[in-house]
Amino acid sequence: MSKNRVTRRQFLSYTLTGVGGFMAAGMLMPMVRFAVDPVLKADAGGEFIPTKQKAADLTSEPVRVDFTFKEKDAWYESEVTNTAWIYKDDSGKIVALSPICKHLGCTVNWNTDKAHPNQFFCPCHFGRYEKNGKNIPGTPPPQPLDLYPVKEKDGFILLGKAQPRTEV
């Protein structure tokens, strides 16, 4: 036994501190986990999203393809619809371009500018892109359109996450 005896007041103080700390930890742990869990969760990168576009139906003319997927932002899950312009290039390779203009984020369309046919055109600030997505010098867009990675499965096109590119 120790020669220093614990007084009633010290015993009560130690006991209340311990119980209070235990209760505080019990309340804080779920809150900390709630805040940190989405950050620690592994990202499912590299997923390809199926589209309704058949690879056999593609030609050299770009086709607008809408595709829908579920996106989870922390605890909120929503259904998102994106678009791609898909075509086959001269070598027969499937090319999928993002329709988001690199100038201010407007949506580009294919072959809608009568003065400049067979180009992607952004109506917001008259930005133009060549068919391969390269920005035309002298127009507002500073970079080429983003490129979607493409896979083919069971005759249908699957698209990955759009990748920015600096050169074509």
C-alpha atoms as a PDB file:
ATOM      1  CA  MET A   1       0.000   0.000   0.000  1.00  0.00           C
ATOM      2  CA  SER A   2       1.028   3.539  -0.649  1.00  0.00           C
ATOM      3  CA  LYS A   3       1.845   5.847   2.210  1.00  0.00           C
ATOM      4  CA  ASN A   4      -0.041   8.694   0.463  1.00  0.00           C
ATOM      5  CA  ARG A   5      -3.710   8.064   0.930  1.00  0.00           C
ATOM      6  CA  VAL A   6      -6.249   9.333  -1.593  1.00  0.00           C
ATOM      7  CA  THR A   7      -8.766  11.680  -0.089  1.00  0.00           C
ATOM      8  CA  ARG A   8     -12.449  11.410  -0.842  1.00  0.00           C
ATOM      9  CA  ARG A   9     -12.285  14.604  -2.861  1.00  0.00           C
ATOM     10  CA  GLN A  10      -9.402  13.262  -5.031  1.00  0.00           C
ATOM     11  CA  PHE A  11     -11.184   9.932  -5.517  1.00  0.00           C
ATOM     12  CA  LEU A  12     -14.363  11.677  -6.633  1.00  0.00           C
ATOM     13  CA  SER A  13     -12.368  13.958  -8.967  1.00  0.00           C
ATOM     14  CA  TYR A  14     -10.514  11.003 -10.573  1.00  0.00           C
ATOM     15  CA  THR A  15     -13.714   8.996 -10.954  1.00  0.00           C
ATOM     16  CA  LEU A  16     -15.700  11.837 -12.535  1.00  0.00           C
ATOM     17  CA  THR A  17     -12.807  12.681 -14.898  1.00  0.00           C
ATOM     18  CA  GLY A  18     -12.573   9.059 -16.033  1.00  0.00           C
ATOM     19  CA  VAL A  19     -16.326   8.658 -16.539  1.00  0.00           C
ATOM     20  CA  GLY A  20     -16.541  12.026 -18.324  1.00  0.00           C
ATOM     21  CA  GLY A  21     -13.651  11.115 -20.630  1.00  0.00           C
ATOM     22  CA  PHE A  22     -15.251   7.755 -21.422  1.00  0.00           C
ATOM     23  CA  MET A  23     -18.595   9.433 -22.255  1.00  0.00           C
ATOM     24  CA  ALA A  24     -16.904  12.116 -24.385  1.00  0.00           C
ATOM     25  CA  ALA A  25     -15.005   9.438 -26.336  1.00  0.00           C
ATOM     26  CA  GLY A  26     -18.259   7.534 -26.840  1.00  0.00           C
ATOM     27  CA  MET A  27     -19.903  10.618 -28.354  1.00  0.00           C
ATOM     28  CA  LEU A  28     -16.918  11.833 -30.405  1.00  0.00           C
ATOM     29  CA  MET A  29     -15.935   8.542 -32.062  1.00  0.00           C
ATOM     30  CA  PRO A  30     -19.061   8.273 -34.263  1.00  0.00           C
ATOM     31  CA  MET A  31     -18.701  11.945 -35.258  1.00  0.00           C
ATOM     32  CA  VAL A  32     -15.037  11.519 -36.185  1.00  0.00           C
ATOM     33  CA  ARG A  33     -15.782   8.371 -38.159  1.00  0.00           C
ATOM     34  CA  PHE A  34     -18.676  10.122 -39.933  1.00  0.00           C
ATOM     35  CA  ALA A  35     -16.325  12.929 -41.004  1.00  0.00           C
ATOM     36  CA  VAL A  36     -13.289  10.812 -41.939  1.00  0.00           C
ATOM     37  CA  ASP A  37     -14.871   7.687 -43.479  1.00  0.00           C
ATOM     38  CA  PRO A  38     -15.538   9.109 -46.989  1.00  0.00           C
ATOM     39  CA  VAL A  39     -11.961  10.388 -47.192  1.00  0.00           C
ATOM     40  CA  LEU A  40     -10.486   6.996 -46.372  1.00  0.00           C
ATOM     41  CA  LYS A  41     -12.804   5.042 -48.640  1.00  0.00           C
ATOM     42  CA  ALA A  42     -11.017   3.672 -51.698  1.00  0.00           C
ATOM     43  CA  ASP A  43     -11.992   5.314 -54.958  1.00  0.00           C
ATOM     44  CA  ALA A  44     -13.299   2.984 -57.647  1.00  0.00           C
ATOM     45  CA  GLY A  45     -11.169   4.591 -60.353  1.00  0.00           C
ATOM     46  CA  GLY A  46     -10.809   3.111 -63.799  1.00  0.00           C
ATOM     47  CA  GLU A  47     -14.435   2.102 -64.143  1.00  0.00           C
ATOM     48  CA  PHE A  48     -15.945   2.091 -67.606  1.00  0.00           C
ATOM     49  CA  ILE A  49     -19.554   3.139 -68.059  1.00  0.00           C
ATOM     50  CA  PRO A  50     -21.669   1.344 -70.663  1.00  0.00           C
ATOM     51  CA  THR A  51     -23.479   3.372 -73.317  1.00  0.00           C
ATOM     52  CA  LYS A  52     -26.316   2.440 -75.642  1.00  0.00           C
ATOM     53  CA  GLN A  53     -24.155   3.147 -78.698  1.00  0.00           C
ATOM     54  CA  LYS A  54     -23.278   0.128 -80.827  1.00  0.00           C
ATOM     55  CA  ALA A  55     -19.738   0.143 -82.171  1.00  0.00           C
ATOM     56  CA  ALA A  56     -20.916  -1.236 -85.524  1.00  0.00           C
ATOM     57  CA  ASP A  57     -23.185   1.786 -86.065  1.00  0.00           C
ATOM     58  CA  LEU A  58     -20.354   4.330 -85.800  1.00  0.00           C
ATOM     59  CA  THR A  59     -19.103   6.171 -88.874  1.00  0.00           C
ATOM     60  CA  SER A  60     -16.648   8.992 -89.479  1.00  0.00           C
ATOM     61  CA  GLU A  61     -19.407  11.477 -88.578  1.00  0.00           C
ATOM     62  CA  PRO A  62     -19.421  12.323 -84.815  1.00  0.00           C
ATOM     63  CA  VAL A  63     -22.545  11.152 -82.982  1.00  0.00           C
ATOM     64  CA  ARG A  64     -23.778  12.590 -79.692  1.00  0.00           C
ATOM     65  CA  VAL A  65     -24.074   9.815 -77.090  1.00  0.00           C
ATOM     66  CA  ASP A  66     -25.658  10.383 -73.677  1.00  0.00           C
ATOM     67  CA  PHE A  67     -24.767   7.989 -70.865  1.00  0.00           C
ATOM     68  CA  THR A  68     -25.963   7.784 -67.269  1.00  0.00           C
ATOM     69  CA  PHE A  69     -24.164   6.564 -64.166  1.00  0.00           C
ATOM     70  CA  LYS A  70     -24.469   6.766 -60.383  1.00  0.00           C
ATOM     71  CA  GLU A  71     -22.095   9.155 -58.647  1.00  0.00           C
ATOM     72  CA  LYS A  72     -21.503   9.130 -54.905  1.00  0.00           C
ATOM     73  CA  ASP A  73     -20.412  12.379 -53.287  1.00  0.00           C
ATOM     74  CA  ALA A  74     -19.577  11.552 -49.670  1.00  0.00           C
ATOM     75  CA  TRP A  75     -22.954  10.222 -48.472  1.00  0.00           C
ATOM     76  CA  TYR A  76     -25.149  11.558 -51.270  1.00  0.00           C
ATOM     77  CA  GLU A  77     -25.688   9.328 -54.281  1.00  0.00           C
ATOM     78  CA  SER A  78     -27.103  10.818 -57.468  1.00  0.00           C
ATOM     79  CA  GLU A  79     -27.683   9.793 -61.039  1.00  0.00           C
ATOM     80  CA  VAL A  80     -25.593  11.822 -63.485  1.00  0.00           C
ATOM     81  CA  THR A  81     -26.014  12.080 -67.253  1.00  0.00           C
ATOM     82  CA  ASN A  82     -22.967  12.962 -69.346  1.00  0.00           C
ATOM     83  CA  THR A  83     -22.436  13.294 -73.071  1.00  0.00           C
ATOM     84  CA  ALA A  84     -19.712  12.327 -75.508  1.00  0.00           C
ATOM     85  CA  TRP A  85     -19.129  12.894 -79.213  1.00  0.00           C
ATOM     86  CA  ILE A  86     -18.096   9.518 -80.658  1.00  0.00           C
ATOM     87  CA  TYR A  87     -16.851   8.621 -84.140  1.00  0.00           C
ATOM     88  CA  LYS A  88     -14.354   6.419 -85.981  1.00  0.00           C
ATOM     89  CA  ASP A  89     -11.207   8.099 -87.259  1.00  0.00           C
ATOM     90  CA  ASP A  90      -9.548   7.344 -90.615  1.00  0.00           C
ATOM     91  CA  SER A  91      -7.745   4.301 -89.174  1.00  0.00           C
ATOM     92  CA  GLY A  92     -11.002   2.855 -87.782  1.00  0.00           C
ATOM     93  CA  LYS A  93     -10.151   3.671 -84.170  1.00  0.00           C
ATOM     94  CA  ILE A  94     -13.075   4.792 -82.000  1.00  0.00           C
ATOM     95  CA  VAL A  95     -12.634   8.328 -80.658  1.00  0.00           C
ATOM     96  CA  ALA A  96     -14.808   9.782 -77.871  1.00  0.00           C
ATOM     97  CA  LEU A  97     -14.553  13.491 -77.100  1.00  0.00           C
ATOM     98  CA  SER A  98     -15.974  15.437 -74.183  1.00  0.00           C
ATOM     99  CA  PRO A  99     -18.441  18.146 -75.251  1.00  0.00           C
ATOM    100  CA  ILE A 100     -17.223  20.567 -72.545  1.00  0.00           C
ATOM    101  CA  CYS A 101     -15.512  23.620 -74.035  1.00  0.00           C
ATOM    102  CA  LYS A 102     -12.118  24.309 -72.466  1.00  0.00           C
ATOM    103  CA  HIS A 103     -12.752  28.058 -72.493  1.00  0.00           C
ATOM    104  CA  LEU A 104     -15.635  28.517 -70.042  1.00  0.00           C
ATOM    105  CA  GLY A 105     -17.259  25.088 -69.811  1.00  0.00           C
ATOM    106  CA  CYS A 106     -20.097  25.537 -72.301  1.00  0.00           C
ATOM    107  CA  THR A 107     -21.270  22.609 -74.438  1.00  0.00           C
ATOM    108  CA  VAL A 108     -19.889  22.268 -77.948  1.00  0.00           C
ATOM    109  CA  ASN A 109     -21.904  20.863 -80.834  1.00  0.00           C
ATOM    110  CA  TRP A 110     -20.830  19.249 -84.063  1.00  0.00           C
ATOM    111  CA  ASN A 111     -21.320  21.017 -87.399  1.00  0.00           C
ATOM    112  CA  THR A 112     -23.705  23.752 -86.195  1.00  0.00           C
ATOM    113  CA  ASP A 113     -21.722  26.786 -87.419  1.00  0.00           C
ATOM    114  CA  LYS A 114     -22.646  27.391 -91.069  1.00  0.00           C
ATOM    115  CA  ALA A 115     -19.535  29.556 -91.643  1.00  0.00           C
ATOM    116  CA  HIS A 116     -17.224  26.759 -90.460  1.00  0.00           C
ATOM    117  CA  PRO A 117     -18.674  23.328 -91.365  1.00  0.00           C
ATOM    118  CA  ASN A 118     -17.369  20.019 -90.011  1.00  0.00           C
ATOM    119  CA  GLN A 119     -16.049  21.524 -86.796  1.00  0.00           C
ATOM    120  CA  PHE A 120     -17.110  21.508 -83.161  1.00  0.00           C
ATOM    121  CA  PHE A 121     -18.583  24.897 -82.284  1.00  0.00           C
ATOM    122  CA  CYS A 122     -19.157  26.549 -78.905  1.00  0.00           C
ATOM    123  CA  PRO A 123     -21.976  29.114 -79.168  1.00  0.00           C
ATOM    124  CA  CYS A 124     -21.040  30.921 -75.924  1.00  0.00           C
ATOM    125  CA  HIS A 125     -17.939  32.712 -77.217  1.00  0.00           C
ATOM    126  CA  PHE A 126     -17.608  31.279 -80.738  1.00  0.00           C
ATOM    127  CA  GLY A 127     -14.940  28.745 -79.848  1.00  0.00           C
ATOM    128  CA  ARG A 128     -14.090  26.172 -82.510  1.00  0.00           C
ATOM    129  CA  TYR A 129     -12.404  22.784 -82.537  1.00  0.00           C
ATOM    130  CA  GLU A 130     -11.307  20.511 -85.365  1.00  0.00           C
ATOM    131  CA  LYS A 131     -12.930  17.108 -85.700  1.00  0.00           C
ATOM    132  CA  ASN A 132     -10.143  15.470 -83.666  1.00  0.00           C
ATOM    133  CA  GLY A 133     -10.861  17.888 -80.790  1.00  0.00           C
ATOM    134  CA  LYS A 134      -7.867  20.173 -81.356  1.00  0.00           C
ATOM    135  CA  ASN A 135      -8.618  23.804 -80.570  1.00  0.00           C
ATOM    136  CA  ILE A 136      -8.346  26.147 -83.554  1.00  0.00           C
ATOM    137  CA  PRO A 137      -5.799  28.958 -83.060  1.00  0.00           C
ATOM    138  CA  GLY A 138      -7.334  32.435 -82.841  1.00  0.00           C
ATOM    139  CA  THR A 139     -10.476  31.203 -81.104  1.00  0.00           C
ATOM    140  CA  PRO A 140     -11.073  31.402 -77.315  1.00  0.00           C
ATOM    141  CA  PRO A 141     -10.455  27.773 -76.245  1.00  0.00           C
ATOM    142  CA  PRO A 142      -6.919  27.420 -74.836  1.00  0.00           C
ATOM    143  CA  GLN A 143      -6.739  23.602 -74.986  1.00  0.00           C
ATOM    144  CA  PRO A 144      -8.117  20.630 -76.952  1.00  0.00           C
ATOM    145  CA  LEU A 145     -11.303  18.844 -75.892  1.00  0.00           C
ATOM    146  CA  ASP A 146     -10.872  16.122 -73.265  1.00  0.00           C
ATOM    147  CA  LEU A 147     -10.717  12.555 -74.508  1.00  0.00           C
ATOM    148  CA  TYR A 148     -12.671   9.608 -73.052  1.00  0.00           C
ATOM    149  CA  PRO A 149     -10.891   6.243 -72.840  1.00  0.00           C
ATOM    150  CA  VAL A 150     -12.936   3.790 -74.921  1.00  0.00           C
ATOM    151  CA  LYS A 151     -13.566   0.056 -74.628  1.00  0.00           C
ATOM    152  CA  GLU A 152     -15.842  -2.188 -76.614  1.00  0.00           C
ATOM    153  CA  LYS A 153     -17.795  -4.997 -74.954  1.00  0.00           C
ATOM    154  CA  ASP A 154     -20.465  -7.174 -76.538  1.00  0.00           C
ATOM    155  CA  GLY A 155     -20.656  -4.738 -79.452  1.00  0.00           C
ATOM    156  CA  PHE A 156     -21.385  -1.684 -77.280  1.00  0.00           C
ATOM    157  CA  ILE A 157     -19.162   1.263 -76.392  1.00  0.00           C
ATOM    158  CA  LEU A 158     -17.947   1.737 -72.797  1.00  0.00           C
ATOM    159  CA  LEU A 159     -16.439   5.060 -71.711  1.00  0.00           C
ATOM    160  CA  GLY A 160     -13.974   5.827 -68.920  1.00  0.00           C
ATOM    161  CA  LYS A 161     -13.412   9.106 -67.124  1.00  0.00           C
ATOM    162  CA  ALA A 162     -12.547  12.003 -69.470  1.00  0.00           C
ATOM    163  CA  GLN A 163      -8.809  12.692 -69.613  1.00  0.00           C
ATOM    164  CA  PRO A 164      -7.461  16.198 -70.259  1.00  0.00           C
ATOM    165  CA  ARG A 165      -4.878  16.509 -73.000  1.00  0.00           C
ATOM    166  CA  THR A 166      -2.560  19.280 -73.979  1.00  0.00           C
ATOM    167  CA  GLU A 167      -1.636  18.161 -77.496  1.00  0.00           C
ATOM    168  CA  VAL A 168      -3.325  16.236 -80.276  1.00  0.00           C
END
